[in-house]
């Protein structure tokens, strides 16, 4: 169910917060400011939940590659996307894929990732077992981030392309679906905790005469 743009529940809880703060002695202006802030955060949370509950994937399924392969380039085919990119030998796979419009990150991982540092593990892919020499050796970042799965899967941001190959990054898509709820819930919990901490500090300060 999609949440209305004004967010009914954000409005209700903002009104409750206003009357609660006003009841404990906070001025109308300050209580109103807290309520408005709560409402704005609530609307943003409602939009985020609605958006990521109905993810909008970019399906770019090209069955044929436009144009010939440039001389001296390697071809990397993403089997789950039906896309082929051309990469200079030794080039970084993540950078080449992003530059040519191929999905490396999915869902919320498009916005929450380590920008190619090898620490988040969101750009995973399964390498072509028929082309073991098509990629550079495992890096220490991959061994640290992937643990026991290092080698079975690779990180695009830590991989250099050395030859033609076919890969599958469905594992990254599955990881995006799994993580988007945990990231959103964690963010909402953090915001709520900060607001409650502010209310508690205000109440405590009011009791001892700081405010």
N, C-alpha and C. Protein backbone atom coordinates (compact mmCIF):
# COMPACT_ATOMS: atom_id res chain seq x y z
N UNK A 1 0.84 -1.19 0.00
CA UNK A 1 0.00 0.00 0.00
C UNK A 1 0.88 1.24 0.00
N UNK A 2 0.67 2.15 -0.93
CA UNK A 2 1.45 3.37 -0.97
C UNK A 2 0.93 4.37 0.05
N UNK A 3 1.83 5.16 0.62
CA UNK A 3 1.49 6.11 1.66
C UNK A 3 1.20 7.46 1.01
N UNK A 4 0.11 8.15 1.41
CA UNK A 4 -0.21 9.45 0.82
C UNK A 4 0.94 10.42 1.00
N UNK A 5 1.05 11.38 0.05
CA UNK A 5 2.17 12.31 0.08
C UNK A 5 2.28 13.11 1.36
N UNK A 6 1.11 13.52 1.95
CA UNK A 6 1.17 14.32 3.16
C UNK A 6 1.49 13.46 4.38
N UNK A 7 1.33 12.17 4.29
CA UNK A 7 1.58 11.21 5.36
C UNK A 7 0.69 11.47 6.58
N UNK A 8 -0.44 10.80 6.59
CA UNK A 8 -1.41 10.93 7.68
C UNK A 8 -0.78 10.61 9.03
N UNK A 9 0.00 9.53 9.08
CA UNK A 9 0.58 9.11 10.36
C UNK A 9 1.65 10.08 10.83
N UNK A 10 2.37 10.69 9.92
CA UNK A 10 3.35 11.71 10.32
C UNK A 10 2.64 12.91 10.94
N UNK A 11 1.49 13.28 10.38
CA UNK A 11 0.72 14.40 10.90
C UNK A 11 0.17 14.09 12.29
N UNK A 12 -0.39 12.88 12.46
CA UNK A 12 -0.96 12.49 13.75
C UNK A 12 0.11 12.47 14.84
N UNK A 13 1.24 11.82 14.54
CA UNK A 13 2.29 11.73 15.55
C UNK A 13 2.92 13.09 15.83
N UNK A 14 2.97 13.98 14.84
CA UNK A 14 3.49 15.33 15.07
C UNK A 14 2.58 16.11 16.01
N UNK A 15 1.26 15.95 15.84
CA UNK A 15 0.32 16.61 16.74
C UNK A 15 0.43 16.06 18.16
N UNK A 16 0.58 14.76 18.27
CA UNK A 16 0.75 14.14 19.60
C UNK A 16 2.02 14.67 20.27
N UNK A 17 3.10 14.75 19.50
CA UNK A 17 4.36 15.26 20.04
C UNK A 17 4.20 16.71 20.48
N UNK A 18 3.49 17.50 19.70
CA UNK A 18 3.28 18.92 20.05
C UNK A 18 2.56 19.05 21.39
N UNK A 19 1.45 18.34 21.54
CA UNK A 19 0.67 18.45 22.77
C UNK A 19 1.44 17.89 23.97
N UNK A 20 2.24 16.84 23.73
CA UNK A 20 3.04 16.26 24.81
C UNK A 20 4.10 17.26 25.29
N UNK A 21 4.80 17.88 24.37
CA UNK A 21 5.84 18.84 24.73
C UNK A 21 5.25 20.08 25.38
N UNK A 22 4.11 20.51 24.85
CA UNK A 22 3.44 21.69 25.43
C UNK A 22 2.95 21.38 26.85
N UNK A 23 2.53 20.13 27.08
CA UNK A 23 2.02 19.74 28.38
C UNK A 23 3.11 19.72 29.45
N UNK A 24 4.34 19.46 29.07
CA UNK A 24 5.43 19.42 30.05
C UNK A 24 6.08 20.80 30.23
N UNK A 25 5.49 21.83 29.60
CA UNK A 25 5.95 23.18 29.86
C UNK A 25 6.77 23.82 28.76
N UNK A 26 6.99 23.15 27.67
CA UNK A 26 7.74 23.75 26.57
C UNK A 26 6.88 24.83 25.90
N UNK A 27 7.51 25.90 25.46
CA UNK A 27 6.77 26.99 24.82
C UNK A 27 6.09 26.51 23.54
N UNK A 28 5.02 27.21 23.15
CA UNK A 28 4.28 26.81 21.96
C UNK A 28 5.15 26.87 20.70
N UNK A 29 6.00 27.88 20.62
CA UNK A 29 6.84 28.03 19.43
C UNK A 29 7.83 26.88 19.32
N UNK A 30 8.50 26.56 20.43
CA UNK A 30 9.49 25.50 20.41
C UNK A 30 8.83 24.14 20.21
N UNK A 31 7.70 23.92 20.88
CA UNK A 31 6.97 22.66 20.70
C UNK A 31 6.50 22.52 19.25
N UNK A 32 6.04 23.64 18.68
CA UNK A 32 5.62 23.61 17.28
C UNK A 32 6.77 23.33 16.34
N UNK A 33 7.96 23.87 16.66
CA UNK A 33 9.14 23.62 15.83
C UNK A 33 9.51 22.15 15.85
N UNK A 34 9.48 21.53 17.04
CA UNK A 34 9.78 20.10 17.14
C UNK A 34 8.75 19.29 16.36
N UNK A 35 7.47 19.69 16.44
CA UNK A 35 6.41 18.95 15.74
C UNK A 35 6.58 19.06 14.23
N UNK A 36 6.92 20.25 13.74
CA UNK A 36 7.13 20.44 12.30
C UNK A 36 8.31 19.60 11.83
N UNK A 37 9.41 19.62 12.63
CA UNK A 37 10.57 18.80 12.28
C UNK A 37 10.20 17.33 12.23
N UNK A 38 9.43 16.88 13.21
CA UNK A 38 8.99 15.48 13.24
C UNK A 38 8.15 15.16 12.00
N UNK A 39 7.26 16.08 11.61
CA UNK A 39 6.40 15.86 10.45
C UNK A 39 7.23 15.77 9.17
N UNK A 40 8.21 16.66 9.02
CA UNK A 40 9.06 16.64 7.82
C UNK A 40 9.81 15.31 7.73
N UNK A 41 10.37 14.88 8.85
CA UNK A 41 11.09 13.60 8.87
C UNK A 41 10.14 12.45 8.57
N UNK A 42 8.91 12.53 9.10
CA UNK A 42 7.92 11.49 8.86
C UNK A 42 7.53 11.39 7.40
N UNK A 43 7.36 12.54 6.75
CA UNK A 43 7.03 12.54 5.32
C UNK A 43 8.18 11.94 4.52
N UNK A 44 9.41 12.31 4.88
CA UNK A 44 10.57 11.74 4.19
C UNK A 44 10.66 10.24 4.38
N UNK A 45 10.38 9.78 5.61
CA UNK A 45 10.41 8.35 5.88
C UNK A 45 9.32 7.62 5.11
N UNK A 46 8.14 8.24 5.04
CA UNK A 46 7.03 7.63 4.30
C UNK A 46 7.38 7.48 2.83
N UNK A 47 8.00 8.53 2.27
CA UNK A 47 8.39 8.46 0.87
C UNK A 47 9.44 7.39 0.64
N UNK A 48 10.44 7.33 1.56
CA UNK A 48 11.51 6.34 1.41
C UNK A 48 10.96 4.93 1.46
N UNK A 49 10.07 4.68 2.41
CA UNK A 49 9.49 3.34 2.55
C UNK A 49 8.67 2.99 1.31
N UNK A 50 7.87 3.95 0.83
CA UNK A 50 7.06 3.70 -0.35
C UNK A 50 7.92 3.44 -1.57
N UNK A 51 8.99 4.25 -1.73
CA UNK A 51 9.85 4.13 -2.91
C UNK A 51 10.57 2.80 -2.93
N UNK A 52 11.14 2.40 -1.79
CA UNK A 52 11.92 1.18 -1.77
C UNK A 52 11.05 -0.07 -1.60
N UNK A 53 9.79 0.12 -1.23
CA UNK A 53 8.88 -1.02 -1.21
C UNK A 53 8.43 -1.36 -2.63
N UNK A 54 8.50 -0.37 -3.51
CA UNK A 54 8.17 -0.56 -4.92
C UNK A 54 9.38 -0.14 -5.75
N UNK A 55 10.49 -0.88 -5.67
CA UNK A 55 11.73 -0.47 -6.34
C UNK A 55 11.55 -0.32 -7.84
N UNK A 56 12.24 0.66 -8.39
CA UNK A 56 12.18 0.94 -9.82
C UNK A 56 13.51 0.56 -10.45
N UNK A 57 13.57 -0.65 -10.89
CA UNK A 57 14.81 -1.12 -11.51
C UNK A 57 14.91 -0.59 -12.93
N UNK A 58 16.14 -0.36 -13.37
CA UNK A 58 16.38 0.07 -14.73
C UNK A 58 16.70 -1.17 -15.57
N UNK A 59 15.75 -1.58 -16.37
CA UNK A 59 15.96 -2.77 -17.19
C UNK A 59 16.48 -2.34 -18.56
N UNK A 60 17.74 -2.60 -18.79
CA UNK A 60 18.34 -2.25 -20.07
C UNK A 60 18.86 -3.53 -20.71
N UNK A 61 17.96 -4.26 -21.31
CA UNK A 61 18.32 -5.55 -21.87
C UNK A 61 18.62 -5.40 -23.36
N UNK A 62 19.88 -5.32 -23.67
CA UNK A 62 20.29 -5.20 -25.07
C UNK A 62 20.76 -6.56 -25.56
N UNK A 63 20.04 -7.13 -26.48
CA UNK A 63 20.40 -8.46 -26.98
C UNK A 63 21.56 -8.39 -27.96
N UNK A 64 21.80 -7.24 -28.51
CA UNK A 64 22.90 -7.07 -29.47
C UNK A 64 23.71 -5.84 -29.09
N UNK A 65 24.99 -5.91 -29.27
CA UNK A 65 25.87 -4.78 -28.97
C UNK A 65 25.97 -3.90 -30.21
N UNK A 66 25.78 -2.62 -30.01
CA UNK A 66 25.84 -1.69 -31.13
C UNK A 66 27.30 -1.35 -31.41
N UNK A 67 27.72 -1.54 -32.64
CA UNK A 67 29.07 -1.20 -33.04
C UNK A 67 30.04 -2.34 -32.83
N UNK A 68 31.12 -2.33 -33.60
CA UNK A 68 32.12 -3.40 -33.49
C UNK A 68 33.00 -3.22 -32.25
N UNK A 69 33.67 -4.30 -31.88
CA UNK A 69 34.58 -4.24 -30.76
C UNK A 69 35.81 -3.40 -31.14
N UNK A 70 36.17 -2.42 -30.31
CA UNK A 70 37.38 -1.65 -30.61
C UNK A 70 38.62 -2.54 -30.58
N UNK A 71 39.55 -2.26 -31.42
CA UNK A 71 40.74 -3.09 -31.51
C UNK A 71 41.53 -3.04 -30.19
N UNK A 72 41.92 -4.23 -29.73
CA UNK A 72 42.71 -4.33 -28.51
C UNK A 72 41.90 -4.34 -27.23
N UNK A 73 40.57 -4.30 -27.31
CA UNK A 73 39.71 -4.29 -26.12
C UNK A 73 39.25 -5.71 -25.78
N UNK A 74 38.94 -5.92 -24.50
CA UNK A 74 38.34 -7.18 -24.04
C UNK A 74 36.82 -7.01 -23.96
N UNK A 75 36.09 -8.07 -24.15
CA UNK A 75 34.63 -8.03 -24.02
C UNK A 75 34.22 -8.70 -22.72
N UNK A 76 33.33 -8.04 -21.99
CA UNK A 76 32.78 -8.59 -20.75
C UNK A 76 31.27 -8.61 -20.91
N UNK A 77 30.68 -9.78 -20.88
CA UNK A 77 29.24 -9.93 -21.04
C UNK A 77 28.59 -10.21 -19.69
N UNK A 78 27.61 -9.40 -19.32
CA UNK A 78 26.83 -9.60 -18.11
C UNK A 78 25.63 -10.45 -18.50
N UNK A 79 25.70 -11.74 -18.22
CA UNK A 79 24.68 -12.66 -18.72
C UNK A 79 23.30 -12.37 -18.16
N UNK A 80 23.21 -11.93 -16.91
CA UNK A 80 21.91 -11.68 -16.31
C UNK A 80 21.29 -10.37 -16.79
N UNK A 81 22.09 -9.50 -17.40
CA UNK A 81 21.56 -8.24 -17.93
C UNK A 81 21.48 -8.23 -19.45
N UNK A 82 22.10 -9.21 -20.09
CA UNK A 82 22.10 -9.22 -21.54
C UNK A 82 22.89 -8.08 -22.13
N UNK A 83 23.93 -7.64 -21.42
CA UNK A 83 24.74 -6.51 -21.87
C UNK A 83 26.21 -6.93 -22.02
N UNK A 84 26.87 -6.35 -23.00
CA UNK A 84 28.29 -6.57 -23.21
C UNK A 84 28.99 -5.23 -23.23
N UNK A 85 30.09 -5.14 -22.50
CA UNK A 85 30.88 -3.93 -22.52
C UNK A 85 32.28 -4.25 -23.04
N UNK A 86 32.96 -3.24 -23.55
CA UNK A 86 34.32 -3.40 -24.05
C UNK A 86 35.27 -2.64 -23.12
N UNK A 87 36.32 -3.33 -22.71
CA UNK A 87 37.21 -2.80 -21.68
C UNK A 87 38.66 -2.94 -22.14
N UNK A 88 39.44 -1.92 -21.88
CA UNK A 88 40.87 -2.03 -22.15
C UNK A 88 41.50 -3.03 -21.19
N UNK A 89 42.42 -3.85 -21.61
CA UNK A 89 43.09 -4.79 -20.71
C UNK A 89 43.72 -4.04 -19.53
N UNK A 90 43.41 -4.51 -18.32
CA UNK A 90 43.91 -3.88 -17.11
C UNK A 90 42.99 -2.83 -16.52
N UNK A 91 41.89 -2.53 -17.19
CA UNK A 91 40.95 -1.53 -16.69
C UNK A 91 40.11 -2.09 -15.55
N UNK A 92 39.65 -1.20 -14.69
CA UNK A 92 38.81 -1.60 -13.56
C UNK A 92 37.41 -1.95 -14.04
N UNK A 93 36.89 -3.09 -13.61
CA UNK A 93 35.58 -3.57 -14.08
C UNK A 93 34.45 -2.65 -13.64
N UNK A 94 34.46 -2.22 -12.40
CA UNK A 94 33.39 -1.35 -11.90
C UNK A 94 33.33 -0.05 -12.68
N UNK A 95 34.47 0.59 -12.85
CA UNK A 95 34.50 1.87 -13.54
C UNK A 95 34.05 1.73 -14.99
N UNK A 96 34.48 0.67 -15.64
CA UNK A 96 34.09 0.46 -17.04
C UNK A 96 32.60 0.19 -17.16
N UNK A 97 32.05 -0.61 -16.25
CA UNK A 97 30.62 -0.94 -16.30
C UNK A 97 29.76 0.29 -16.04
N UNK A 98 30.14 1.08 -15.03
CA UNK A 98 29.37 2.29 -14.72
C UNK A 98 29.43 3.27 -15.88
N UNK A 99 30.60 3.43 -16.48
CA UNK A 99 30.75 4.37 -17.59
C UNK A 99 29.91 3.97 -18.79
N UNK A 100 29.66 2.67 -18.97
CA UNK A 100 28.92 2.19 -20.13
C UNK A 100 27.46 1.84 -19.79
N UNK A 101 27.01 2.27 -18.62
CA UNK A 101 25.60 2.14 -18.27
C UNK A 101 25.13 0.76 -17.89
N UNK A 102 26.03 -0.07 -17.38
CA UNK A 102 25.65 -1.42 -16.94
C UNK A 102 25.51 -1.42 -15.42
N UNK A 103 24.51 -2.15 -14.93
CA UNK A 103 24.24 -2.19 -13.50
C UNK A 103 25.36 -2.89 -12.75
N UNK A 104 25.91 -2.19 -11.77
CA UNK A 104 26.87 -2.78 -10.83
C UNK A 104 26.23 -2.89 -9.45
N UNK A 105 25.47 -1.85 -9.08
CA UNK A 105 24.75 -1.82 -7.81
C UNK A 105 23.26 -1.90 -8.08
N UNK A 106 22.53 -2.47 -7.14
CA UNK A 106 21.09 -2.60 -7.27
C UNK A 106 20.39 -2.06 -6.03
N UNK A 107 19.16 -1.59 -6.26
CA UNK A 107 18.28 -1.15 -5.18
C UNK A 107 18.97 -0.07 -4.35
N UNK A 108 18.91 -0.18 -3.04
CA UNK A 108 19.45 0.88 -2.18
C UNK A 108 20.97 0.94 -2.24
N UNK A 109 21.60 -0.14 -2.70
CA UNK A 109 23.06 -0.14 -2.80
C UNK A 109 23.56 0.84 -3.86
N UNK A 110 22.65 1.33 -4.72
CA UNK A 110 23.05 2.37 -5.67
C UNK A 110 23.43 3.65 -4.93
N UNK A 111 22.84 3.84 -3.74
CA UNK A 111 23.06 5.07 -2.98
C UNK A 111 23.92 4.83 -1.74
N UNK A 112 23.97 3.60 -1.27
CA UNK A 112 24.73 3.28 -0.06
C UNK A 112 25.80 2.27 -0.43
N UNK A 113 26.97 2.76 -0.77
CA UNK A 113 28.09 1.89 -1.09
C UNK A 113 29.39 2.62 -0.77
N UNK A 114 30.50 1.93 -0.90
CA UNK A 114 31.80 2.49 -0.48
C UNK A 114 32.53 3.19 -1.61
N UNK A 115 31.86 3.40 -2.75
CA UNK A 115 32.43 4.12 -3.89
C UNK A 115 33.72 3.47 -4.41
N UNK A 116 33.72 2.14 -4.41
CA UNK A 116 34.84 1.44 -5.03
C UNK A 116 36.03 1.18 -4.14
N UNK A 117 35.87 1.28 -2.83
CA UNK A 117 36.98 1.04 -1.91
C UNK A 117 37.12 -0.42 -1.51
N UNK A 118 36.13 -1.24 -1.85
CA UNK A 118 36.22 -2.66 -1.58
C UNK A 118 35.78 -3.08 -0.20
N UNK A 119 35.04 -2.22 0.52
CA UNK A 119 34.68 -2.53 1.90
C UNK A 119 33.21 -2.92 2.10
N UNK A 120 32.34 -2.53 1.17
CA UNK A 120 30.91 -2.77 1.39
C UNK A 120 30.43 -4.09 0.79
N UNK A 121 31.10 -4.60 -0.21
CA UNK A 121 30.72 -5.88 -0.80
C UNK A 121 29.47 -5.84 -1.64
N UNK A 122 29.02 -4.67 -2.10
CA UNK A 122 27.76 -4.57 -2.83
C UNK A 122 27.90 -4.75 -4.34
N UNK A 123 29.12 -4.81 -4.84
CA UNK A 123 29.32 -4.96 -6.29
C UNK A 123 29.80 -6.37 -6.65
N UNK A 124 29.30 -7.36 -5.94
CA UNK A 124 29.74 -8.74 -6.16
C UNK A 124 29.28 -9.28 -7.51
N UNK A 125 30.06 -10.21 -8.03
CA UNK A 125 29.68 -10.93 -9.23
C UNK A 125 30.34 -12.29 -9.24
N UNK A 126 29.79 -13.20 -10.01
CA UNK A 126 30.37 -14.53 -10.17
C UNK A 126 31.18 -14.55 -11.46
N UNK A 127 32.44 -14.93 -11.32
CA UNK A 127 33.33 -14.93 -12.48
C UNK A 127 33.08 -16.15 -13.36
N UNK A 128 33.47 -16.03 -14.61
CA UNK A 128 33.34 -17.11 -15.57
C UNK A 128 34.37 -18.20 -15.27
N UNK A 129 33.94 -19.40 -14.85
CA UNK A 129 34.91 -20.45 -14.52
C UNK A 129 35.68 -20.95 -15.74
N UNK A 130 35.14 -20.65 -16.92
CA UNK A 130 35.82 -21.08 -18.15
C UNK A 130 36.93 -20.12 -18.55
N UNK A 131 37.01 -18.98 -17.87
CA UNK A 131 38.05 -18.00 -18.20
C UNK A 131 38.76 -17.56 -16.92
N UNK A 132 39.51 -18.47 -16.29
CA UNK A 132 40.14 -18.15 -15.01
C UNK A 132 41.21 -17.07 -15.11
N UNK A 133 41.74 -16.84 -16.29
CA UNK A 133 42.80 -15.84 -16.46
C UNK A 133 42.25 -14.49 -16.93
N UNK A 134 40.93 -14.36 -16.94
CA UNK A 134 40.33 -13.13 -17.47
C UNK A 134 40.35 -11.97 -16.48
N UNK A 135 40.68 -12.27 -15.22
CA UNK A 135 40.67 -11.23 -14.21
C UNK A 135 41.96 -11.23 -13.41
N UNK A 136 42.22 -10.09 -12.77
CA UNK A 136 43.39 -9.97 -11.90
C UNK A 136 43.21 -10.84 -10.66
N UNK A 137 44.29 -11.03 -9.93
CA UNK A 137 44.26 -11.87 -8.73
C UNK A 137 43.43 -11.21 -7.62
N UNK A 138 42.98 -12.02 -6.68
CA UNK A 138 42.24 -11.50 -5.54
C UNK A 138 43.08 -10.48 -4.77
N UNK A 139 42.44 -9.41 -4.34
CA UNK A 139 43.11 -8.41 -3.51
C UNK A 139 42.84 -8.70 -2.03
N UNK A 140 43.62 -8.05 -1.17
CA UNK A 140 43.39 -8.26 0.26
C UNK A 140 42.04 -7.70 0.68
N UNK A 141 41.55 -6.64 0.00
CA UNK A 141 40.23 -6.11 0.32
C UNK A 141 39.14 -7.15 0.05
N UNK A 142 39.29 -7.87 -1.06
CA UNK A 142 38.30 -8.90 -1.37
C UNK A 142 38.34 -10.03 -0.35
N UNK A 143 39.52 -10.45 0.03
CA UNK A 143 39.64 -11.53 1.02
C UNK A 143 39.05 -11.09 2.36
N UNK A 144 39.27 -9.83 2.73
CA UNK A 144 38.76 -9.32 4.00
C UNK A 144 37.24 -9.17 3.97
N UNK A 145 36.72 -8.59 2.87
CA UNK A 145 35.29 -8.29 2.79
C UNK A 145 34.45 -9.53 2.52
N UNK A 146 34.92 -10.40 1.65
CA UNK A 146 34.12 -11.56 1.23
C UNK A 146 34.33 -12.78 2.11
N UNK A 147 35.43 -12.86 2.81
CA UNK A 147 35.68 -14.00 3.69
C UNK A 147 35.79 -15.30 2.93
N UNK A 148 35.02 -16.29 3.37
CA UNK A 148 35.09 -17.63 2.77
C UNK A 148 34.59 -17.68 1.34
N UNK A 149 33.82 -16.68 0.93
CA UNK A 149 33.28 -16.69 -0.44
C UNK A 149 34.24 -16.04 -1.44
N UNK A 150 35.35 -15.49 -0.96
CA UNK A 150 36.32 -14.87 -1.87
C UNK A 150 36.83 -15.90 -2.86
N UNK A 151 36.77 -15.56 -4.12
CA UNK A 151 37.14 -16.49 -5.18
C UNK A 151 35.92 -17.07 -5.86
N UNK A 152 34.92 -17.46 -5.05
CA UNK A 152 33.66 -17.91 -5.62
C UNK A 152 32.92 -16.72 -6.22
N UNK A 153 33.02 -15.59 -5.53
CA UNK A 153 32.51 -14.33 -6.05
C UNK A 153 33.64 -13.31 -5.97
N UNK A 154 33.53 -12.26 -6.77
CA UNK A 154 34.54 -11.20 -6.80
C UNK A 154 33.86 -9.86 -6.59
N UNK A 155 34.66 -8.84 -6.35
CA UNK A 155 34.17 -7.47 -6.25
C UNK A 155 34.59 -6.73 -7.51
N UNK A 156 33.62 -6.15 -8.19
CA UNK A 156 33.90 -5.44 -9.44
C UNK A 156 34.86 -4.28 -9.22
N UNK A 157 34.77 -3.64 -8.06
CA UNK A 157 35.61 -2.47 -7.81
C UNK A 157 37.07 -2.84 -7.58
N UNK A 158 37.35 -4.12 -7.31
CA UNK A 158 38.72 -4.56 -7.04
C UNK A 158 39.28 -5.44 -8.15
N UNK A 159 38.56 -5.51 -9.26
CA UNK A 159 38.92 -6.44 -10.32
C UNK A 159 39.34 -5.71 -11.59
N UNK A 160 40.48 -6.11 -12.14
CA UNK A 160 40.92 -5.62 -13.44
C UNK A 160 40.64 -6.69 -14.50
N UNK A 161 40.16 -6.25 -15.64
CA UNK A 161 39.82 -7.17 -16.73
C UNK A 161 41.08 -7.44 -17.56
N UNK A 162 41.35 -8.72 -17.78
CA UNK A 162 42.54 -9.11 -18.55
C UNK A 162 42.21 -9.87 -19.82
N UNK A 163 40.93 -10.30 -19.97
CA UNK A 163 40.56 -11.06 -21.15
C UNK A 163 39.06 -11.14 -21.32
N UNK A 164 38.60 -11.74 -22.42
CA UNK A 164 37.18 -11.90 -22.67
C UNK A 164 36.55 -12.83 -21.64
N UNK A 165 35.32 -12.54 -21.24
CA UNK A 165 34.66 -13.39 -20.24
C UNK A 165 33.16 -13.11 -20.21
N UNK A 166 32.45 -13.99 -19.54
CA UNK A 166 31.02 -13.84 -19.26
C UNK A 166 30.85 -13.89 -17.75
N UNK A 167 30.15 -12.92 -17.16
CA UNK A 167 29.95 -12.88 -15.72
C UNK A 167 28.46 -12.75 -15.41
N UNK A 168 28.14 -12.93 -14.13
CA UNK A 168 26.76 -12.85 -13.66
C UNK A 168 26.77 -12.11 -12.33
N UNK A 169 26.09 -10.97 -12.26
CA UNK A 169 26.05 -10.26 -10.98
C UNK A 169 24.66 -10.25 -10.35
N UNK A 170 23.94 -11.36 -10.55
CA UNK A 170 22.66 -11.54 -9.88
C UNK A 170 22.83 -11.49 -8.36
N UNK A 171 23.97 -11.95 -7.88
CA UNK A 171 24.24 -11.94 -6.45
C UNK A 171 24.20 -10.52 -5.90
N UNK A 172 24.64 -9.52 -6.68
CA UNK A 172 24.57 -8.12 -6.25
C UNK A 172 23.13 -7.64 -6.19
N UNK A 173 22.31 -8.10 -7.14
CA UNK A 173 20.90 -7.73 -7.16
C UNK A 173 20.19 -8.29 -5.93
N UNK A 174 20.46 -9.54 -5.60
CA UNK A 174 19.86 -10.16 -4.42
C UNK A 174 20.30 -9.45 -3.15
N UNK A 175 21.56 -9.05 -3.12
CA UNK A 175 22.09 -8.35 -1.95
C UNK A 175 21.41 -6.99 -1.77
N UNK A 176 21.12 -6.31 -2.87
CA UNK A 176 20.42 -5.03 -2.78
C UNK A 176 19.03 -5.18 -2.20
N UNK A 177 18.31 -6.20 -2.62
CA UNK A 177 16.95 -6.44 -2.11
C UNK A 177 16.99 -6.75 -0.62
N UNK A 178 17.97 -7.53 -0.19
CA UNK A 178 18.08 -7.91 1.21
C UNK A 178 18.41 -6.70 2.08
N UNK A 179 19.28 -5.84 1.58
CA UNK A 179 19.79 -4.76 2.41
C UNK A 179 18.90 -3.53 2.49
N UNK A 180 18.00 -3.33 1.52
CA UNK A 180 17.32 -2.04 1.52
C UNK A 180 16.42 -1.86 2.73
N UNK A 181 15.78 -2.93 3.22
CA UNK A 181 14.94 -2.79 4.40
C UNK A 181 15.77 -2.54 5.65
N UNK A 182 16.91 -3.23 5.78
CA UNK A 182 17.74 -3.05 6.97
C UNK A 182 18.32 -1.64 7.03
N UNK A 183 18.71 -1.09 5.87
CA UNK A 183 19.26 0.27 5.85
C UNK A 183 18.18 1.29 6.20
N UNK A 184 17.00 1.14 5.61
CA UNK A 184 15.91 2.08 5.89
C UNK A 184 15.49 2.00 7.35
N UNK A 185 15.31 0.78 7.86
CA UNK A 185 14.89 0.63 9.25
C UNK A 185 15.94 1.18 10.21
N UNK A 186 17.21 0.96 9.88
CA UNK A 186 18.28 1.49 10.72
C UNK A 186 18.29 3.01 10.73
N UNK A 187 18.07 3.62 9.55
CA UNK A 187 18.03 5.08 9.47
C UNK A 187 16.85 5.65 10.25
N UNK A 188 15.68 5.02 10.12
CA UNK A 188 14.50 5.49 10.85
C UNK A 188 14.70 5.35 12.35
N UNK A 189 15.29 4.23 12.77
CA UNK A 189 15.55 4.02 14.20
C UNK A 189 16.53 5.06 14.73
N UNK A 190 17.56 5.38 13.93
CA UNK A 190 18.53 6.38 14.36
C UNK A 190 17.90 7.75 14.52
N UNK A 191 17.07 8.16 13.54
CA UNK A 191 16.41 9.46 13.63
C UNK A 191 15.47 9.51 14.82
N UNK A 192 14.68 8.45 14.99
CA UNK A 192 13.74 8.41 16.11
C UNK A 192 14.49 8.48 17.45
N UNK A 193 15.61 7.76 17.55
CA UNK A 193 16.39 7.75 18.79
C UNK A 193 16.95 9.13 19.10
N UNK A 194 17.42 9.85 18.06
CA UNK A 194 17.95 11.19 18.27
C UNK A 194 16.86 12.15 18.74
N UNK A 195 15.68 12.03 18.14
CA UNK A 195 14.56 12.89 18.56
C UNK A 195 14.16 12.60 20.00
N UNK A 196 14.07 11.33 20.35
CA UNK A 196 13.70 10.97 21.71
C UNK A 196 14.77 11.43 22.70
N UNK A 197 16.04 11.34 22.29
CA UNK A 197 17.12 11.82 23.16
C UNK A 197 16.98 13.32 23.39
N UNK A 198 16.63 14.05 22.32
CA UNK A 198 16.43 15.48 22.47
C UNK A 198 15.29 15.80 23.44
N UNK A 199 14.19 15.05 23.33
CA UNK A 199 13.05 15.27 24.23
C UNK A 199 13.44 14.96 25.67
N UNK A 200 14.18 13.87 25.88
CA UNK A 200 14.60 13.49 27.23
C UNK A 200 15.53 14.55 27.83
N UNK A 201 16.47 15.04 27.01
CA UNK A 201 17.39 16.08 27.49
C UNK A 201 16.61 17.34 27.86
N UNK A 202 15.63 17.69 27.01
CA UNK A 202 14.82 18.86 27.30
C UNK A 202 14.04 18.69 28.60
N UNK A 203 13.41 17.52 28.77
CA UNK A 203 12.63 17.27 29.98
C UNK A 203 13.53 17.31 31.21
N UNK A 204 14.71 16.67 31.10
CA UNK A 204 15.63 16.69 32.24
C UNK A 204 16.12 18.09 32.55
N UNK A 205 16.46 18.85 31.50
CA UNK A 205 16.90 20.22 31.73
C UNK A 205 15.82 21.09 32.31
N UNK A 206 14.57 20.86 31.89
CA UNK A 206 13.45 21.63 32.43
C UNK A 206 13.24 21.31 33.90
N UNK A 207 13.45 20.05 34.28
CA UNK A 207 13.22 19.66 35.69
C UNK A 207 14.26 20.28 36.61
N UNK A 208 15.49 20.46 36.12
CA UNK A 208 16.54 21.01 36.98
C UNK A 208 16.75 22.51 36.74
N UNK A 209 15.89 23.09 35.88
CA UNK A 209 15.92 24.52 35.68
C UNK A 209 16.92 25.05 34.68
N UNK A 210 17.40 24.18 33.77
CA UNK A 210 18.35 24.66 32.76
C UNK A 210 17.65 25.45 31.67
N UNK A 211 16.38 25.15 31.41
CA UNK A 211 15.65 25.81 30.33
C UNK A 211 14.53 26.67 30.90
